[in-house]
Amino acid sequence: MNDPIPRVEGVVVALGDRPAVGALALAGVDVRVAASPDEVRAVWDALGPEVGLVVLAPAAASALGARVDDLGSPLTVVMPP
């Protein structure tokens, strides 16, 4: 029987400002704090191939824009505002 829930392999990373993503560390998420758009883009560019999912704070998603759709980018999800 096929598993109905798709699985993501790799490290789960949360990216954004500390108030938005900090608590996710309690769930074992690799939290990467970035306060400015330039910091967000630098952290995004430094993500390695081991990253399977990135949870983005809304401001981080805005800073990245269409970059999250680039071929080879990890799967992303944006937190609600």
C-alpha atoms as a PDB file:
ATOM      1  CA  MET A   1       0.000   0.000   0.000  1.00  0.00           C
ATOM      2  CA  ASN A   2       1.276   3.442  -0.850  1.00  0.00           C
ATOM      3  CA  ASP A   3       1.719   5.937   1.921  1.00  0.00           C
ATOM      4  CA  PRO A   4      -0.884   8.702   1.311  1.00  0.00           C
ATOM      5  CA  ILE A   5       1.290  11.333   2.988  1.00  0.00           C
ATOM      6  CA  PRO A   6       4.230  12.489   0.878  1.00  0.00           C
ATOM      7  CA  ARG A   7       7.542  12.397   2.718  1.00  0.00           C
ATOM      8  CA  VAL A   8      10.246  15.019   2.582  1.00  0.00           C
ATOM      9  CA  GLU A   9      13.749  13.781   3.159  1.00  0.00           C
ATOM     10  CA  GLY A  10      16.433  15.990   4.600  1.00  0.00           C
ATOM     11  CA  VAL A  11      16.854  18.681   7.177  1.00  0.00           C
ATOM     12  CA  VAL A  12      13.986  21.032   8.012  1.00  0.00           C
ATOM     13  CA  VAL A  13      15.132  24.655   8.276  1.00  0.00           C
ATOM     14  CA  ALA A  14      13.168  27.678   9.489  1.00  0.00           C
ATOM     15  CA  LEU A  15      14.302  31.035   8.110  1.00  0.00           C
ATOM     16  CA  GLY A  16      13.277  34.452   9.345  1.00  0.00           C
ATOM     17  CA  ASP A  17      13.377  36.827  12.280  1.00  0.00           C
ATOM     18  CA  ARG A  18      13.742  35.340  15.762  1.00  0.00           C
ATOM     19  CA  PRO A  19      10.185  36.096  16.975  1.00  0.00           C
ATOM     20  CA  ALA A  20       8.710  34.326  13.943  1.00  0.00           C
ATOM     21  CA  VAL A  21      10.866  31.194  13.825  1.00  0.00           C
ATOM     22  CA  GLY A  22      12.648  30.862  17.170  1.00  0.00           C
ATOM     23  CA  ALA A  23      10.143  28.549  18.836  1.00  0.00           C
ATOM     24  CA  LEU A  24      10.449  26.001  16.013  1.00  0.00           C
ATOM     25  CA  ALA A  25      13.786  24.965  17.510  1.00  0.00           C
ATOM     26  CA  LEU A  26      11.747  23.240  20.241  1.00  0.00           C
ATOM     27  CA  ALA A  27      10.419  20.882  17.559  1.00  0.00           C
ATOM     28  CA  GLY A  28      13.899  20.054  16.292  1.00  0.00           C
ATOM     29  CA  VAL A  29      13.862  22.451  13.360  1.00  0.00           C
ATOM     30  CA  ASP A  30      17.209  23.986  12.366  1.00  0.00           C
ATOM     31  CA  VAL A  31      16.458  27.678  12.933  1.00  0.00           C
ATOM     32  CA  ARG A  32      18.380  30.234  10.869  1.00  0.00           C
ATOM     33  CA  VAL A  33      17.743  33.764  12.124  1.00  0.00           C
ATOM     34  CA  ALA A  34      17.903  36.509   9.514  1.00  0.00           C
ATOM     35  CA  ALA A  35      16.454  39.932  10.236  1.00  0.00           C
ATOM     36  CA  SER A  36      17.091  41.861   7.032  1.00  0.00           C
ATOM     37  CA  PRO A  37      16.310  40.972   3.409  1.00  0.00           C
ATOM     38  CA  ASP A  38      20.043  40.807   2.648  1.00  0.00           C
ATOM     39  CA  GLU A  39      20.585  38.375   5.533  1.00  0.00           C
ATOM     40  CA  VAL A  40      17.666  36.236   4.347  1.00  0.00           C
ATOM     41  CA  ARG A  41      19.107  36.012   0.836  1.00  0.00           C
ATOM     42  CA  ALA A  42      22.577  35.180   2.194  1.00  0.00           C
ATOM     43  CA  VAL A  43      21.233  32.365   4.366  1.00  0.00           C
ATOM     44  CA  TRP A  44      19.126  31.057   1.461  1.00  0.00           C
ATOM     45  CA  ASP A  45      22.147  31.019  -0.839  1.00  0.00           C
ATOM     46  CA  ALA A  46      24.160  29.103   1.770  1.00  0.00           C
ATOM     47  CA  LEU A  47      21.612  26.290   2.213  1.00  0.00           C
ATOM     48  CA  GLY A  48      23.162  22.938   1.393  1.00  0.00           C
ATOM     49  CA  PRO A  49      21.784  19.947  -0.468  1.00  0.00           C
ATOM     50  CA  GLU A  50      20.841  18.279   2.827  1.00  0.00           C
ATOM     51  CA  VAL A  51      17.960  20.753   3.297  1.00  0.00           C
ATOM     52  CA  GLY A  52      14.654  19.209   2.282  1.00  0.00           C
ATOM     53  CA  LEU A  53      12.158  21.766   3.576  1.00  0.00           C
ATOM     54  CA  VAL A  54      12.403  25.456   4.460  1.00  0.00           C
ATOM     55  CA  VAL A  55       9.751  27.083   6.656  1.00  0.00           C
ATOM     56  CA  LEU A  56       9.783  30.778   5.808  1.00  0.00           C
ATOM     57  CA  ALA A  57       8.551  33.652   7.934  1.00  0.00           C
ATOM     58  CA  PRO A  58       6.364  35.954   5.806  1.00  0.00           C
ATOM     59  CA  ALA A  59       9.023  38.693   5.648  1.00  0.00           C
ATOM     60  CA  ALA A  60      11.658  36.135   4.585  1.00  0.00           C
ATOM     61  CA  ALA A  61       9.385  34.846   1.829  1.00  0.00           C
ATOM     62  CA  SER A  62       8.878  38.406   0.641  1.00  0.00           C
ATOM     63  CA  ALA A  63      12.644  39.024   0.599  1.00  0.00           C
ATOM     64  CA  LEU A  64      13.233  35.906  -1.506  1.00  0.00           C
ATOM     65  CA  GLY A  65      10.419  36.496  -3.975  1.00  0.00           C
ATOM     66  CA  ALA A  66      10.541  34.120  -6.941  1.00  0.00           C
ATOM     67  CA  ARG A  67      13.914  32.665  -5.890  1.00  0.00           C
ATOM     68  CA  VAL A  68      12.065  29.963  -3.956  1.00  0.00           C
ATOM     69  CA  ASP A  69      10.749  28.646  -7.285  1.00  0.00           C
ATOM     70  CA  ASP A  70      14.200  28.215  -8.845  1.00  0.00           C
ATOM     71  CA  LEU A  71      14.993  24.752 -10.115  1.00  0.00           C
ATOM     72  CA  GLY A  72      16.827  22.831  -7.434  1.00  0.00           C
ATOM     73  CA  SER A  73      15.494  24.902  -4.531  1.00  0.00           C
ATOM     74  CA  PRO A  74      14.223  23.000  -1.514  1.00  0.00           C
ATOM     75  CA  LEU A  75      10.521  22.656  -0.866  1.00  0.00           C
ATOM     76  CA  THR A  76       9.213  25.731   0.967  1.00  0.00           C
ATOM     77  CA  VAL A  77       6.227  26.665   3.066  1.00  0.00           C
ATOM     78  CA  VAL A  78       5.352  30.163   4.273  1.00  0.00           C
ATOM     79  CA  MET A  79       4.076  30.679   7.798  1.00  0.00           C
ATOM     80  CA  PRO A  80       0.821  32.564   8.142  1.00  0.00           C
ATOM     81  CA  PRO A  81       1.229  36.239   9.093  1.00  0.00           C
END
